[in-house]
Amino acid sequence: MYDTYGFPVDLTQLMVEERGLTVDMAAYEEAKNRAQLLSQGKTTHQGTGADLDVHAIDELKERMKITPTDDSFKYDYTVSNDSPDASTCSNRALGPS
């Protein structure tokens, strides 16, 4: 509750003691440390995104003959009066018609 809502653990301990319960402080500290690591991006958690190094990218291009994605359309816009104008861009919905 502290990490999400800023609710102090010592007050939590007082409240649960009133109900005859206890807080597992070892588990609390472990969860707190895990949350800190997650917030800093220092975990070994396997996410759903791809994390390719230069060698993996080279293998995709050279050995597997997979061409890179053409992202040039993302940058096809002009700026006038400090405001971007993307009217030259076009889009197309994919899927069933």
Protein backbone atom coordinates (compact mmCIF):
# COMPACT_ATOMS: atom_id res chain seq x y z
CA MET A 1 0.00 0.00 0.00
CA TYR A 2 2.91 2.33 0.60
CA ASP A 3 4.27 2.14 -2.92
CA THR A 4 0.90 2.62 -4.58
CA TYR A 5 -0.92 4.92 -2.17
CA GLY A 6 1.84 6.32 0.06
CA PHE A 7 0.29 4.63 3.11
CA PRO A 8 2.97 4.19 5.82
CA VAL A 9 3.85 0.63 6.80
CA ASP A 10 4.07 1.52 10.50
CA LEU A 11 0.47 2.73 10.46
CA THR A 12 -0.49 -0.45 8.62
CA GLN A 13 1.20 -2.46 11.38
CA LEU A 14 -0.79 -0.62 14.07
CA MET A 15 -4.06 -1.19 12.25
CA VAL A 16 -3.50 -4.91 11.71
CA GLU A 17 -2.35 -5.39 15.32
CA GLU A 18 -5.71 -3.98 16.42
CA ARG A 19 -7.28 -6.90 14.54
CA GLY A 20 -4.89 -9.45 16.03
CA LEU A 21 -2.87 -9.80 12.83
CA THR A 22 0.75 -9.08 11.88
CA VAL A 23 2.59 -7.73 8.87
CA ASP A 24 5.21 -10.04 7.37
CA MET A 25 7.99 -7.46 7.30
CA ALA A 26 10.44 -9.73 5.45
CA ALA A 27 7.92 -10.18 2.64
CA TYR A 28 7.15 -6.46 2.75
CA GLU A 29 10.83 -5.54 2.34
CA GLU A 30 11.23 -8.06 -0.48
CA ALA A 31 8.19 -6.66 -2.30
CA LYS A 32 9.42 -3.10 -1.71
CA ASN A 33 12.85 -3.93 -3.17
CA ARG A 34 11.26 -5.67 -6.15
CA ALA A 35 9.04 -2.63 -6.80
CA GLN A 36 12.06 -0.32 -6.65
CA LEU A 37 13.94 -2.46 -9.15
CA LEU A 38 10.94 -2.53 -11.48
CA SER A 39 10.59 1.24 -11.32
CA GLN A 40 14.28 1.65 -12.21
CA GLY A 41 14.12 -0.88 -15.03
CA LYS A 42 16.76 -3.07 -13.34
CA THR A 43 15.02 -6.41 -13.53
CA THR A 44 15.57 -9.61 -15.43
CA HIS A 45 11.85 -9.84 -16.19
CA GLN A 46 11.22 -11.18 -19.66
CA GLY A 47 8.89 -8.66 -21.26
CA THR A 48 6.95 -9.04 -24.47
CA GLY A 49 9.11 -6.59 -26.42
CA ALA A 50 12.06 -7.49 -28.61
CA ASP A 51 15.52 -6.53 -27.38
CA LEU A 52 17.86 -7.16 -30.27
CA ASP A 53 21.54 -6.33 -30.29
CA VAL A 54 23.48 -5.36 -33.40
CA HIS A 55 24.46 -8.99 -34.09
CA ALA A 56 20.87 -10.23 -33.95
CA ILE A 57 19.77 -7.45 -36.29
CA ASP A 58 22.58 -8.31 -38.70
CA GLU A 59 21.53 -11.96 -38.64
CA LEU A 60 17.95 -11.00 -39.46
CA LYS A 61 19.08 -8.87 -42.41
CA GLU A 62 21.91 -10.95 -43.83
CA ARG A 63 21.22 -14.60 -43.01
CA MET A 64 17.44 -14.60 -42.83
CA LYS A 65 16.96 -11.92 -45.53
CA ILE A 66 14.36 -10.02 -43.52
CA THR A 67 14.15 -6.44 -44.71
CA PRO A 68 13.93 -3.59 -42.21
CA THR A 69 10.62 -1.80 -41.76
CA ASP A 70 10.24 1.37 -43.82
CA ASP A 71 9.39 4.06 -41.27
CA SER A 72 10.04 7.03 -43.54
CA PHE A 73 6.33 7.89 -43.72
CA LYS A 74 6.44 8.77 -40.02
CA TYR A 75 8.69 11.69 -40.83
CA ASP A 76 6.81 13.01 -43.87
CA TYR A 77 5.52 16.28 -42.44
CA THR A 78 6.32 19.96 -42.44
CA VAL A 79 6.43 22.49 -39.64
CA SER A 80 4.95 25.95 -39.99
CA ASN A 81 4.44 28.45 -37.19
CA ASP A 82 5.95 25.91 -34.74
CA SER A 83 3.12 23.50 -35.52
CA PRO A 84 3.55 20.20 -37.38
CA ASP A 85 1.48 19.69 -40.52
CA ALA A 86 1.04 16.01 -41.37
CA SER A 87 -1.54 16.58 -44.12
CA THR A 88 0.80 14.91 -46.62
CA CYS A 89 0.61 11.67 -44.65
CA SER A 90 -1.91 9.02 -45.60
CA ASN A 91 -3.23 6.02 -43.74
CA ARG A 92 -5.04 2.81 -44.49
CA ALA A 93 -6.92 0.58 -42.07
CA LEU A 94 -5.90 -3.06 -42.24
CA GLY A 95 -8.28 -5.91 -41.64
CA PRO A 96 -11.68 -7.05 -42.92
CA SER A 97 -13.42 -4.55 -45.20
